[in-house]
């Protein structure tokens, strides 16, 4: 009942030069609601084939010169799963914490250093990094940590494999790192692992628009 109802639709892309496709899309959106109210197409200049290119050029202009920019940000908050330190119990997994690395609404083109203690990662062998996301934890900030949660709070995403290779690591297989998260202008979420012992850094990334 609280769902925001769109009153207008901005068409973009050459495919919507077709009257049939435009009408069909408006009808589908209207069917989302009981009343069946069809939103109206936005008025103005409809340069559909060049709309994306012109929007990208204007976005670049506003980033360097200032101007009106639509702010959206990520639809979800993102978390990385980190095993807690302690004695290993045979047959039992280590307790897992979920650390927020990107809050809900983090804007494209921004980055943030994840506060907290160093995280030890094993170098030289593939490591599976667990990721979670949430559409309901809107108050979490970068560094917020959860020791317990339900599937209603956090949803597990596909894990990402990462191999830390370094000539400066020495014989110690454990590499202490700190995280820096970044959302690119193209909708890629990047989590950088920066070694605290050297200038080494490694990157994990996935497309947040596909997940949203």
N, C-alpha and C. Protein backbone atom coordinates (compact mmCIF):
# COMPACT_ATOMS: atom_id res chain seq x y z
N UNK A 1 0.80 -1.21 0.00
CA UNK A 1 0.00 0.00 0.00
C UNK A 1 0.83 1.26 0.00
N UNK A 2 2.10 1.16 0.46
CA UNK A 2 2.97 2.33 0.52
C UNK A 2 3.86 2.45 -0.71
N UNK A 3 3.65 1.57 -1.69
CA UNK A 3 4.50 1.58 -2.88
C UNK A 3 4.32 2.88 -3.65
N UNK A 4 5.42 3.54 -3.99
CA UNK A 4 5.34 4.79 -4.75
C UNK A 4 4.94 4.49 -6.18
N UNK A 5 3.91 5.14 -6.64
CA UNK A 5 3.40 4.89 -7.98
C UNK A 5 4.00 5.87 -8.98
N UNK A 6 4.62 5.36 -10.02
CA UNK A 6 5.19 6.27 -11.03
C UNK A 6 4.06 6.99 -11.77
N UNK A 7 4.24 8.28 -11.95
CA UNK A 7 3.24 9.07 -12.68
C UNK A 7 3.70 9.39 -14.09
N UNK A 8 4.99 9.21 -14.35
CA UNK A 8 5.52 9.50 -15.69
C UNK A 8 6.66 8.54 -15.99
N UNK A 9 6.91 8.33 -17.27
CA UNK A 9 7.96 7.41 -17.71
C UNK A 9 8.87 8.14 -18.69
N UNK A 10 10.16 8.01 -18.48
CA UNK A 10 11.15 8.57 -19.40
C UNK A 10 11.66 7.44 -20.29
N UNK A 11 11.35 7.50 -21.57
CA UNK A 11 11.82 6.50 -22.52
C UNK A 11 13.21 6.87 -22.99
N UNK A 12 14.02 5.82 -23.20
CA UNK A 12 15.38 6.07 -23.64
C UNK A 12 15.90 4.84 -24.36
N UNK A 13 16.59 5.07 -25.47
CA UNK A 13 17.06 3.97 -26.30
C UNK A 13 16.24 3.86 -27.57
N UNK A 14 16.91 3.55 -28.66
CA UNK A 14 16.26 3.52 -29.96
C UNK A 14 15.12 2.53 -30.07
N UNK A 15 15.11 1.48 -29.22
CA UNK A 15 14.05 0.49 -29.30
C UNK A 15 12.68 1.11 -29.03
N UNK A 16 12.66 2.19 -28.24
CA UNK A 16 11.38 2.81 -27.89
C UNK A 16 10.91 3.83 -28.93
N UNK A 17 11.52 3.82 -30.09
CA UNK A 17 10.94 4.57 -31.21
C UNK A 17 9.67 3.89 -31.70
N UNK A 18 9.49 2.64 -31.30
CA UNK A 18 8.29 1.89 -31.68
C UNK A 18 7.11 2.30 -30.81
N UNK A 19 6.02 2.77 -31.45
CA UNK A 19 4.81 3.13 -30.71
C UNK A 19 4.26 1.92 -29.95
N UNK A 20 4.32 0.76 -30.56
CA UNK A 20 3.78 -0.44 -29.94
C UNK A 20 4.49 -0.78 -28.63
N UNK A 21 5.83 -0.68 -28.62
CA UNK A 21 6.59 -1.00 -27.41
C UNK A 21 6.35 0.03 -26.32
N UNK A 22 6.25 1.30 -26.69
CA UNK A 22 5.98 2.33 -25.69
C UNK A 22 4.61 2.11 -25.04
N UNK A 23 3.61 1.87 -25.86
CA UNK A 23 2.26 1.65 -25.33
C UNK A 23 2.20 0.41 -24.46
N UNK A 24 2.90 -0.65 -24.88
CA UNK A 24 2.89 -1.89 -24.11
C UNK A 24 3.52 -1.70 -22.74
N UNK A 25 4.65 -0.99 -22.68
CA UNK A 25 5.32 -0.76 -21.41
C UNK A 25 4.44 0.07 -20.47
N UNK A 26 3.81 1.11 -20.99
CA UNK A 26 2.94 1.94 -20.15
C UNK A 26 1.76 1.12 -19.61
N UNK A 27 1.24 0.24 -20.42
CA UNK A 27 0.11 -0.59 -19.99
C UNK A 27 0.54 -1.55 -18.89
N UNK A 28 1.74 -2.15 -19.02
CA UNK A 28 2.23 -3.09 -18.00
C UNK A 28 2.42 -2.37 -16.67
N UNK A 29 3.01 -1.18 -16.70
CA UNK A 29 3.20 -0.43 -15.46
C UNK A 29 1.86 -0.08 -14.84
N UNK A 30 0.87 0.29 -15.68
CA UNK A 30 -0.45 0.59 -15.16
C UNK A 30 -1.10 -0.61 -14.50
N UNK A 31 -0.81 -1.82 -14.99
CA UNK A 31 -1.40 -3.03 -14.42
C UNK A 31 -0.79 -3.42 -13.08
N UNK A 32 0.27 -2.73 -12.66
CA UNK A 32 0.83 -3.01 -11.34
C UNK A 32 -0.13 -2.62 -10.23
N UNK A 33 -1.06 -1.75 -10.51
CA UNK A 33 -1.94 -1.20 -9.50
C UNK A 33 -3.39 -1.57 -9.78
N UNK A 34 -4.18 -1.65 -8.72
CA UNK A 34 -5.56 -2.07 -8.85
C UNK A 34 -6.36 -1.15 -9.75
N UNK A 35 -6.09 0.15 -9.62
CA UNK A 35 -6.86 1.10 -10.41
C UNK A 35 -6.50 1.05 -11.89
N UNK A 36 -5.31 0.51 -12.20
CA UNK A 36 -4.88 0.42 -13.59
C UNK A 36 -4.58 1.77 -14.20
N UNK A 37 -4.14 2.73 -13.38
CA UNK A 37 -3.83 4.06 -13.90
C UNK A 37 -2.52 4.00 -14.69
N UNK A 38 -2.59 4.40 -15.93
CA UNK A 38 -1.41 4.35 -16.80
C UNK A 38 -0.61 5.63 -16.66
N UNK A 39 0.70 5.54 -16.35
CA UNK A 39 1.50 6.76 -16.29
C UNK A 39 1.67 7.38 -17.67
N UNK A 40 1.97 8.66 -17.66
CA UNK A 40 2.12 9.38 -18.92
C UNK A 40 3.59 9.45 -19.32
N UNK A 41 3.91 9.41 -20.60
CA UNK A 41 5.30 9.62 -21.02
C UNK A 41 5.72 11.05 -20.76
N UNK A 42 6.95 11.24 -20.34
CA UNK A 42 7.45 12.59 -20.09
C UNK A 42 7.46 13.40 -21.38
N UNK A 43 7.07 14.65 -21.26
CA UNK A 43 7.10 15.52 -22.43
C UNK A 43 8.51 16.07 -22.62
N UNK A 44 8.76 16.64 -23.76
CA UNK A 44 10.07 17.22 -24.04
C UNK A 44 10.69 16.61 -25.28
N UNK A 45 11.95 16.93 -25.48
CA UNK A 45 12.67 16.43 -26.65
C UNK A 45 12.96 14.94 -26.50
N UNK A 46 12.62 14.14 -27.50
CA UNK A 46 12.80 12.70 -27.44
C UNK A 46 13.85 12.26 -28.47
N UNK A 47 15.10 12.46 -28.11
CA UNK A 47 16.21 12.01 -28.97
C UNK A 47 16.63 10.63 -28.47
N UNK A 48 15.81 9.62 -28.78
CA UNK A 48 15.97 8.31 -28.16
C UNK A 48 17.29 7.63 -28.50
N UNK A 49 17.76 7.78 -29.72
CA UNK A 49 18.98 7.07 -30.12
C UNK A 49 20.22 7.64 -29.45
N UNK A 50 20.20 8.92 -29.10
CA UNK A 50 21.38 9.55 -28.50
C UNK A 50 21.19 9.87 -27.02
N UNK A 51 20.08 9.42 -26.44
CA UNK A 51 19.77 9.81 -25.07
C UNK A 51 20.84 9.34 -24.08
N UNK A 52 21.29 8.09 -24.23
CA UNK A 52 22.27 7.55 -23.29
C UNK A 52 23.60 8.29 -23.40
N UNK A 53 24.05 8.53 -24.64
CA UNK A 53 25.32 9.22 -24.84
C UNK A 53 25.26 10.65 -24.31
N UNK A 54 24.14 11.33 -24.56
CA UNK A 54 24.01 12.70 -24.07
C UNK A 54 23.94 12.73 -22.54
N UNK A 55 23.26 11.73 -21.96
CA UNK A 55 23.20 11.66 -20.50
C UNK A 55 24.56 11.41 -19.89
N UNK A 56 25.36 10.54 -20.52
CA UNK A 56 26.70 10.25 -20.00
C UNK A 56 27.59 11.48 -20.10
N UNK A 57 27.47 12.22 -21.20
CA UNK A 57 28.29 13.43 -21.36
C UNK A 57 27.91 14.48 -20.33
N UNK A 58 26.62 14.62 -20.08
CA UNK A 58 26.19 15.62 -19.09
C UNK A 58 26.60 15.19 -17.68
N UNK A 59 26.53 13.87 -17.41
CA UNK A 59 26.97 13.37 -16.11
C UNK A 59 28.44 13.72 -15.88
N UNK A 60 29.27 13.48 -16.91
CA UNK A 60 30.69 13.82 -16.78
C UNK A 60 30.90 15.31 -16.56
N UNK A 61 30.08 16.12 -17.20
CA UNK A 61 30.19 17.58 -17.03
C UNK A 61 29.86 17.98 -15.59
N UNK A 62 28.78 17.41 -15.04
CA UNK A 62 28.39 17.78 -13.68
C UNK A 62 29.41 17.33 -12.65
N UNK A 63 30.12 16.21 -12.94
CA UNK A 63 31.14 15.74 -12.01
C UNK A 63 32.31 16.70 -11.91
N UNK A 64 32.64 17.37 -13.02
CA UNK A 64 33.83 18.24 -13.03
C UNK A 64 33.47 19.72 -12.91
N UNK A 65 32.26 20.11 -13.31
CA UNK A 65 31.91 21.53 -13.29
C UNK A 65 30.73 21.87 -12.39
N UNK A 66 30.06 20.85 -11.87
CA UNK A 66 28.89 21.12 -11.04
C UNK A 66 27.63 21.21 -11.90
N UNK A 67 26.49 21.04 -11.28
CA UNK A 67 25.22 21.10 -11.99
C UNK A 67 24.20 20.19 -11.35
N UNK A 68 23.04 20.09 -11.98
CA UNK A 68 21.96 19.27 -11.45
C UNK A 68 22.24 17.81 -11.78
N UNK A 69 22.25 16.96 -10.75
CA UNK A 69 22.53 15.54 -10.95
C UNK A 69 21.52 14.72 -10.17
N UNK A 70 20.92 13.73 -10.81
CA UNK A 70 19.98 12.85 -10.13
C UNK A 70 20.76 11.90 -9.25
N UNK A 71 20.42 11.87 -7.97
CA UNK A 71 21.12 11.01 -7.03
C UNK A 71 20.28 9.78 -6.74
N UNK A 72 20.87 8.63 -6.94
CA UNK A 72 20.15 7.40 -6.68
C UNK A 72 20.90 6.52 -5.70
N UNK A 73 22.05 6.02 -6.13
CA UNK A 73 22.86 5.17 -5.26
C UNK A 73 22.41 3.72 -5.33
N UNK A 74 23.11 2.88 -4.58
CA UNK A 74 22.83 1.45 -4.60
C UNK A 74 21.49 1.16 -3.92
N UNK A 75 20.75 0.22 -4.49
CA UNK A 75 19.45 -0.15 -3.92
C UNK A 75 19.61 -1.03 -2.69
N UNK A 76 20.79 -1.61 -2.50
CA UNK A 76 21.03 -2.52 -1.39
C UNK A 76 22.26 -2.08 -0.60
N UNK A 77 22.36 -2.58 0.62
CA UNK A 77 23.59 -2.50 1.39
C UNK A 77 24.35 -3.80 1.16
N UNK A 78 25.69 -3.73 1.15
CA UNK A 78 26.50 -4.91 0.87
C UNK A 78 27.45 -5.20 2.04
N UNK A 79 27.65 -6.50 2.28
CA UNK A 79 28.42 -6.96 3.43
C UNK A 79 29.39 -8.06 2.99
N UNK A 80 30.51 -8.15 3.68
CA UNK A 80 31.44 -9.25 3.47
C UNK A 80 31.46 -10.09 4.73
N UNK A 81 31.50 -11.43 4.55
CA UNK A 81 31.55 -12.33 5.69
C UNK A 81 32.98 -12.56 6.13
N UNK A 82 33.23 -12.38 7.42
CA UNK A 82 34.58 -12.52 7.97
C UNK A 82 34.53 -13.51 9.13
N UNK A 83 35.38 -14.54 9.06
CA UNK A 83 35.45 -15.50 10.15
C UNK A 83 36.11 -14.87 11.35
N UNK A 84 35.58 -15.17 12.54
CA UNK A 84 36.16 -14.64 13.76
C UNK A 84 37.41 -15.43 14.14
N UNK A 85 38.32 -14.77 14.84
CA UNK A 85 39.54 -15.44 15.28
C UNK A 85 39.23 -16.33 16.48
N UNK A 86 40.05 -17.30 16.70
CA UNK A 86 39.86 -18.19 17.84
C UNK A 86 40.27 -19.60 17.50
N UNK A 87 40.13 -20.47 18.50
CA UNK A 87 40.52 -21.87 18.30
C UNK A 87 39.54 -22.55 17.35
N UNK A 88 40.09 -23.35 16.44
CA UNK A 88 39.26 -24.09 15.50
C UNK A 88 38.76 -25.37 16.15
N UNK A 89 37.47 -25.64 16.02
CA UNK A 89 36.86 -26.86 16.55
C UNK A 89 36.64 -27.82 15.38
N UNK A 90 37.24 -29.00 15.41
CA UNK A 90 37.08 -29.94 14.29
C UNK A 90 35.61 -30.20 13.98
N UNK A 91 35.29 -30.07 12.68
CA UNK A 91 33.92 -30.34 12.25
C UNK A 91 32.95 -29.19 12.40
N UNK A 92 33.40 -28.11 13.02
CA UNK A 92 32.50 -26.97 13.23
C UNK A 92 33.09 -25.74 12.54
N UNK A 93 32.27 -25.02 11.79
CA UNK A 93 32.78 -23.81 11.14
C UNK A 93 33.02 -22.69 12.16
N UNK A 94 33.96 -21.83 11.85
CA UNK A 94 34.19 -20.69 12.72
C UNK A 94 32.98 -19.75 12.66
N UNK A 95 32.68 -19.06 13.77
CA UNK A 95 31.60 -18.07 13.73
C UNK A 95 31.89 -17.00 12.68
N UNK A 96 30.84 -16.54 12.02
CA UNK A 96 30.97 -15.60 10.92
C UNK A 96 30.35 -14.27 11.31
N UNK A 97 31.03 -13.20 10.97
CA UNK A 97 30.48 -11.85 11.13
C UNK A 97 30.25 -11.24 9.76
N UNK A 98 29.23 -10.44 9.65
CA UNK A 98 28.95 -9.72 8.40
C UNK A 98 29.27 -8.24 8.61
N UNK A 99 30.22 -7.74 7.84
CA UNK A 99 30.67 -6.35 7.97
C UNK A 99 30.17 -5.55 6.78
N UNK A 100 29.49 -4.46 7.04
CA UNK A 100 28.96 -3.62 5.96
C UNK A 100 30.12 -2.91 5.26
N UNK A 101 30.22 -3.11 3.96
CA UNK A 101 31.27 -2.46 3.18
C UNK A 101 30.71 -1.41 2.22
N UNK A 102 29.38 -1.40 2.04
CA UNK A 102 28.74 -0.38 1.21
C UNK A 102 27.32 -0.18 1.72
N UNK A 103 26.99 0.99 2.24
CA UNK A 103 25.64 1.20 2.76
C UNK A 103 24.63 1.36 1.64
N UNK A 104 23.39 1.18 1.97
CA UNK A 104 22.32 1.40 1.00
C UNK A 104 22.32 2.87 0.57
N UNK A 105 22.29 3.10 -0.73
CA UNK A 105 22.31 4.47 -1.23
C UNK A 105 23.69 5.01 -1.53
N UNK A 106 24.74 4.18 -1.42
CA UNK A 106 26.08 4.63 -1.75
C UNK A 106 26.12 5.04 -3.23
N UNK A 107 26.58 6.24 -3.50
CA UNK A 107 26.47 6.79 -4.84
C UNK A 107 27.59 6.33 -5.75
N UNK A 108 27.26 6.30 -7.05
CA UNK A 108 28.27 5.96 -8.05
C UNK A 108 29.39 6.98 -8.03
N UNK A 109 30.60 6.49 -8.22
CA UNK A 109 31.75 7.38 -8.25
C UNK A 109 32.30 7.74 -6.88
N UNK A 110 31.85 7.05 -5.82
CA UNK A 110 32.34 7.34 -4.47
C UNK A 110 33.03 6.11 -3.90
N UNK A 111 33.86 6.33 -2.91
CA UNK A 111 34.54 5.23 -2.24
C UNK A 111 34.61 5.51 -0.75
N UNK A 112 34.85 4.45 0.02
CA UNK A 112 34.88 4.59 1.47
C UNK A 112 35.82 3.56 2.06
N UNK A 113 36.61 3.98 3.03
CA UNK A 113 37.49 3.06 3.75
C UNK A 113 36.69 2.38 4.85
N UNK A 114 36.76 1.07 4.92
CA UNK A 114 36.00 0.31 5.90
C UNK A 114 36.75 0.34 7.22
N UNK A 115 36.17 0.93 8.26
CA UNK A 115 36.88 1.00 9.55
C UNK A 115 36.91 -0.36 10.24
N UNK A 116 37.76 -0.47 11.25
CA UNK A 116 37.84 -1.71 12.00
C UNK A 116 39.24 -2.27 12.00
N UNK A 117 39.40 -3.44 12.59
CA UNK A 117 40.70 -4.08 12.69
C UNK A 117 41.13 -4.67 11.36
N UNK A 118 42.43 -4.95 11.27
CA UNK A 118 42.94 -5.63 10.07
C UNK A 118 42.30 -7.01 9.95
N UNK A 119 42.18 -7.45 8.71
CA UNK A 119 41.64 -8.78 8.42
C UNK A 119 42.75 -9.62 7.82
N UNK A 120 42.96 -10.81 8.35
CA UNK A 120 44.01 -11.68 7.84
C UNK A 120 43.49 -12.55 6.70
N UNK A 121 44.13 -12.48 5.55
CA UNK A 121 43.79 -13.32 4.41
C UNK A 121 44.98 -14.19 4.06
N UNK A 122 44.70 -15.36 3.53
CA UNK A 122 45.76 -16.32 3.20
C UNK A 122 46.22 -16.07 1.78
N UNK A 123 47.52 -15.89 1.61
CA UNK A 123 48.07 -15.63 0.30
C UNK A 123 48.50 -16.90 -0.41
N UNK A 124 48.50 -16.84 -1.74
CA UNK A 124 49.02 -17.94 -2.53
C UNK A 124 48.01 -19.01 -2.88
N UNK A 125 46.85 -19.03 -2.24
CA UNK A 125 45.83 -20.03 -2.54
C UNK A 125 44.49 -19.32 -2.75
N UNK A 126 43.61 -19.87 -3.59
CA UNK A 126 42.31 -19.24 -3.81
C UNK A 126 41.50 -19.17 -2.52
N UNK A 127 40.93 -18.02 -2.26
CA UNK A 127 40.09 -17.82 -1.08
C UNK A 127 38.68 -17.47 -1.54
N UNK A 128 37.67 -18.10 -0.93
CA UNK A 128 36.27 -17.82 -1.25
C UNK A 128 35.76 -16.76 -0.29
N UNK A 129 35.38 -15.64 -0.82
CA UNK A 129 34.87 -14.53 -0.01
C UNK A 129 33.35 -14.51 -0.09
N UNK A 130 32.71 -14.57 1.07
CA UNK A 130 31.25 -14.58 1.13
C UNK A 130 30.72 -13.15 1.15
N UNK A 131 29.69 -12.91 0.34
CA UNK A 131 29.06 -11.60 0.30
C UNK A 131 27.58 -11.72 0.60
N UNK A 132 27.05 -10.68 1.23
CA UNK A 132 25.64 -10.61 1.56
C UNK A 132 25.11 -9.24 1.13
N UNK A 133 23.80 -9.17 0.97
CA UNK A 133 23.18 -7.89 0.64
C UNK A 133 21.88 -7.76 1.42
N UNK A 134 21.39 -6.52 1.52
CA UNK A 134 20.16 -6.28 2.25
C UNK A 134 19.44 -5.08 1.67
N UNK A 135 18.12 -5.21 1.57
CA UNK A 135 17.29 -4.08 1.14
C UNK A 135 16.58 -3.44 2.32
N UNK A 136 16.75 -4.00 3.52
CA UNK A 136 16.00 -3.51 4.69
C UNK A 136 16.90 -2.84 5.73
N UNK A 137 18.23 -2.99 5.60
CA UNK A 137 19.14 -2.40 6.60
C UNK A 137 19.59 -1.02 6.13
N UNK A 138 18.63 -0.10 6.01
CA UNK A 138 18.94 1.22 5.48
C UNK A 138 19.74 2.10 6.43
N UNK A 139 19.78 1.74 7.72
CA UNK A 139 20.50 2.58 8.69
C UNK A 139 21.94 2.14 8.90
N UNK A 140 22.34 1.00 8.34
CA UNK A 140 23.71 0.53 8.51
C UNK A 140 24.68 1.44 7.78
N UNK A 141 25.84 1.60 8.35
CA UNK A 141 26.91 2.41 7.76
C UNK A 141 28.13 1.53 7.52
N UNK A 142 29.08 2.06 6.78
CA UNK A 142 30.31 1.30 6.51
C UNK A 142 30.97 0.93 7.83
N UNK A 143 31.24 -0.34 8.01
CA UNK A 143 31.85 -0.82 9.25
C UNK A 143 30.87 -1.44 10.22
N UNK A 144 29.56 -1.23 10.03
CA UNK A 144 28.57 -1.87 10.90
C UNK A 144 28.73 -3.38 10.82
N UNK A 145 28.78 -4.04 11.98
CA UNK A 145 29.06 -5.47 12.03
C UNK A 145 27.90 -6.22 12.68
N UNK A 146 27.54 -7.35 12.06
CA UNK A 146 26.48 -8.20 12.59
C UNK A 146 27.06 -9.58 12.91
N UNK A 147 26.79 -10.06 14.13
CA UNK A 147 27.20 -11.40 14.52
C UNK A 147 26.07 -12.40 14.29
N UNK A 148 24.83 -11.92 14.31
CA UNK A 148 23.67 -12.78 14.08
C UNK A 148 22.70 -12.04 13.16
N UNK A 149 22.06 -12.78 12.28
CA UNK A 149 21.07 -12.18 11.39
C UNK A 149 20.17 -13.28 10.86
N UNK A 150 19.08 -12.87 10.24
CA UNK A 150 18.16 -13.81 9.61
C UNK A 150 18.21 -13.60 8.10
N UNK A 151 17.59 -14.52 7.38
CA UNK A 151 17.55 -14.38 5.92
C UNK A 151 16.68 -13.21 5.49
N UNK A 152 15.84 -12.71 6.40
CA UNK A 152 15.08 -11.50 6.09
C UNK A 152 15.97 -10.26 6.15
N UNK A 153 17.01 -10.32 6.98
CA UNK A 153 17.93 -9.18 7.11
C UNK A 153 18.97 -9.17 6.00
N UNK A 154 19.68 -10.28 5.85
CA UNK A 154 20.77 -10.37 4.89
C UNK A 154 20.55 -11.57 3.97
N UNK A 155 20.78 -11.35 2.69
CA UNK A 155 20.66 -12.42 1.69
C UNK A 155 22.05 -12.72 1.15
N UNK A 156 22.44 -13.99 1.16
CA UNK A 156 23.77 -14.36 0.69
C UNK A 156 23.83 -14.32 -0.83
N UNK A 157 24.88 -13.70 -1.35
CA UNK A 157 25.12 -13.62 -2.78
C UNK A 157 26.11 -14.69 -3.20
N UNK A 158 26.38 -14.74 -4.49
CA UNK A 158 27.38 -15.70 -4.98
C UNK A 158 28.75 -15.33 -4.41
N UNK A 159 29.51 -16.31 -3.89
CA UNK A 159 30.85 -16.00 -3.38
C UNK A 159 31.80 -15.61 -4.51
N UNK A 160 32.83 -14.88 -4.16
CA UNK A 160 33.84 -14.46 -5.12
C UNK A 160 35.17 -15.07 -4.71
N UNK A 161 35.87 -15.67 -5.67
CA UNK A 161 37.18 -16.26 -5.39
C UNK A 161 38.28 -15.25 -5.69
N UNK A 162 39.25 -15.20 -4.81
CA UNK A 162 40.36 -14.26 -4.96
C UNK A 162 41.64 -14.94 -4.51
N UNK A 163 42.69 -14.78 -5.29
CA UNK A 163 44.00 -15.30 -4.93
C UNK A 163 44.96 -14.14 -4.71
N UNK A 164 45.49 -14.05 -3.49
CA UNK A 164 46.42 -12.99 -3.16
C UNK A 164 47.83 -13.45 -3.49
N UNK A 165 48.44 -12.81 -4.46
CA UNK A 165 49.82 -13.13 -4.84
C UNK A 165 50.67 -11.90 -4.59
N UNK A 166 51.85 -12.13 -4.03
CA UNK A 166 52.73 -11.01 -3.72
C UNK A 166 54.16 -11.50 -3.59
N UNK A 167 55.07 -10.75 -4.17
CA UNK A 167 56.49 -11.06 -4.04
C UNK A 167 57.05 -10.54 -2.72
N UNK A 168 56.32 -9.62 -2.09
CA UNK A 168 56.83 -9.03 -0.85
C UNK A 168 56.23 -9.68 0.40
N UNK A 169 55.41 -10.72 0.22
CA UNK A 169 54.74 -11.33 1.37
C UNK A 169 55.70 -12.14 2.24
N UNK A 170 56.77 -12.65 1.65
CA UNK A 170 57.69 -13.47 2.42
C UNK A 170 57.13 -14.86 2.63
N UNK A 171 57.57 -15.53 3.69
CA UNK A 171 57.14 -16.89 3.96
C UNK A 171 55.84 -16.95 4.75
N UNK A 172 55.43 -15.85 5.32
CA UNK A 172 54.20 -15.83 6.11
C UNK A 172 53.00 -15.89 5.16
N UNK A 173 52.16 -16.92 5.28
CA UNK A 173 51.03 -17.04 4.34
C UNK A 173 49.91 -16.05 4.63
N UNK A 174 49.89 -15.47 5.82
CA UNK A 174 48.79 -14.57 6.19
C UNK A 174 49.14 -13.12 5.82
N UNK A 175 48.23 -12.49 5.12
CA UNK A 175 48.41 -11.11 4.68
C UNK A 175 47.37 -10.24 5.38
N UNK A 176 47.78 -9.32 6.27
CA UNK A 176 46.80 -8.42 6.90
C UNK A 176 46.37 -7.34 5.91
N UNK A 177 45.07 -7.14 5.79
CA UNK A 177 44.56 -6.17 4.82
C UNK A 177 43.51 -5.28 5.48
N UNK A 178 43.29 -4.15 4.83
CA UNK A 178 42.16 -3.29 5.13
C UNK A 178 41.34 -3.14 3.85
N UNK A 179 40.05 -2.89 4.00
CA UNK A 179 39.16 -2.83 2.85
C UNK A 179 38.83 -1.39 2.49
N UNK A 180 38.76 -1.14 1.20
CA UNK A 180 38.23 0.12 0.66
C UNK A 180 37.19 -0.25 -0.38
N UNK A 181 35.98 0.23 -0.20
CA UNK A 181 34.89 -0.07 -1.14
C UNK A 181 34.67 1.09 -2.08
N UNK A 182 34.23 0.77 -3.28
CA UNK A 182 34.01 1.79 -4.31
C UNK A 182 32.89 1.35 -5.23
N UNK A 183 32.03 2.28 -5.59
CA UNK A 183 31.00 2.05 -6.60
C UNK A 183 31.35 2.89 -7.81
N UNK A 184 31.56 2.25 -8.94
CA UNK A 184 31.98 2.98 -10.14
C UNK A 184 30.76 3.59 -10.83
N UNK A 185 31.06 4.48 -11.77
CA UNK A 185 30.01 5.14 -12.54
C UNK A 185 29.25 4.16 -13.42
N UNK A 186 29.84 2.99 -13.69
CA UNK A 186 29.21 1.99 -14.55
C UNK A 186 28.43 0.94 -13.75
N UNK A 187 28.29 1.17 -12.45
CA UNK A 187 27.51 0.24 -11.64
C UNK A 187 28.26 -0.98 -11.16
N UNK A 188 29.58 -0.92 -11.13
CA UNK A 188 30.37 -2.02 -10.60
C UNK A 188 30.73 -1.71 -9.15
N UNK A 189 30.54 -2.70 -8.28
CA UNK A 189 30.98 -2.55 -6.90
C UNK A 189 32.37 -3.18 -6.77
N UNK A 190 33.32 -2.42 -6.29
CA UNK A 190 34.69 -2.89 -6.11
C UNK A 190 35.05 -2.87 -4.64
N UNK A 191 35.59 -3.98 -4.17
CA UNK A 191 36.12 -4.04 -2.82
C UNK A 191 37.62 -4.29 -2.93
N UNK A 192 38.39 -3.29 -2.55
CA UNK A 192 39.85 -3.37 -2.64
C UNK A 192 40.42 -3.85 -1.31
N UNK A 193 41.34 -4.80 -1.39
CA UNK A 193 42.06 -5.29 -0.22
C UNK A 193 43.46 -4.69 -0.26
N UNK A 194 43.76 -3.81 0.68
CA UNK A 194 45.06 -3.14 0.73
C UNK A 194 45.91 -3.77 1.83
N UNK A 195 47.06 -4.30 1.45
CA UNK A 195 47.96 -4.86 2.44
C UNK A 195 48.47 -3.75 3.36
N UNK A 196 48.55 -4.06 4.65
CA UNK A 196 49.09 -3.08 5.61
C UNK A 196 50.60 -3.24 5.78
N UNK A 197 51.18 -4.23 5.07
CA UNK A 197 52.63 -4.44 5.16
C UNK A 197 53.38 -3.90 3.96
N UNK A 198 52.67 -3.73 2.85
CA UNK A 198 53.33 -3.32 1.62
C UNK A 198 52.34 -2.50 0.79
N UNK A 199 52.75 -2.20 -0.43
CA UNK A 199 51.88 -1.46 -1.34
C UNK A 199 50.97 -2.37 -2.16
N UNK A 200 50.97 -3.66 -1.86
CA UNK A 200 50.13 -4.61 -2.61
C UNK A 200 48.65 -4.31 -2.39
N UNK A 201 47.87 -4.51 -3.42
CA UNK A 201 46.43 -4.38 -3.31
C UNK A 201 45.76 -5.32 -4.31
N UNK A 202 44.58 -5.79 -3.95
CA UNK A 202 43.84 -6.73 -4.78
C UNK A 202 42.38 -6.28 -4.85
N UNK A 203 41.72 -6.63 -5.93
CA UNK A 203 40.37 -6.13 -6.17
C UNK A 203 39.38 -7.26 -6.37
N UNK A 204 38.21 -7.15 -5.71
CA UNK A 204 37.06 -8.00 -5.98
C UNK A 204 35.96 -7.09 -6.51
N UNK A 205 35.17 -7.58 -7.47
CA UNK A 205 34.12 -6.74 -8.02
C UNK A 205 32.97 -7.57 -8.54
N UNK A 206 31.78 -6.96 -8.54
CA UNK A 206 30.62 -7.56 -9.21
C UNK A 206 29.66 -6.45 -9.59
N UNK A 207 28.76 -6.77 -10.50
CA UNK A 207 27.84 -5.80 -11.07
C UNK A 207 26.63 -5.67 -10.15
N UNK A 208 26.50 -4.53 -9.45
CA UNK A 208 25.40 -4.36 -8.52
C UNK A 208 24.09 -4.14 -9.25
N UNK A 209 24.13 -3.67 -10.49
CA UNK A 209 22.87 -3.47 -11.21
C UNK A 209 22.22 -4.80 -11.57
N UNK A 210 23.04 -5.81 -11.85
CA UNK A 210 22.48 -7.13 -12.11
C UNK A 210 21.88 -7.71 -10.84
N UNK A 211 22.50 -7.44 -9.68
CA UNK A 211 21.97 -7.97 -8.42
C UNK A 211 20.73 -7.22 -7.99
N UNK A 212 20.64 -5.92 -8.34
CA UNK A 212 19.47 -5.13 -7.93
C UNK A 212 18.26 -5.48 -8.78
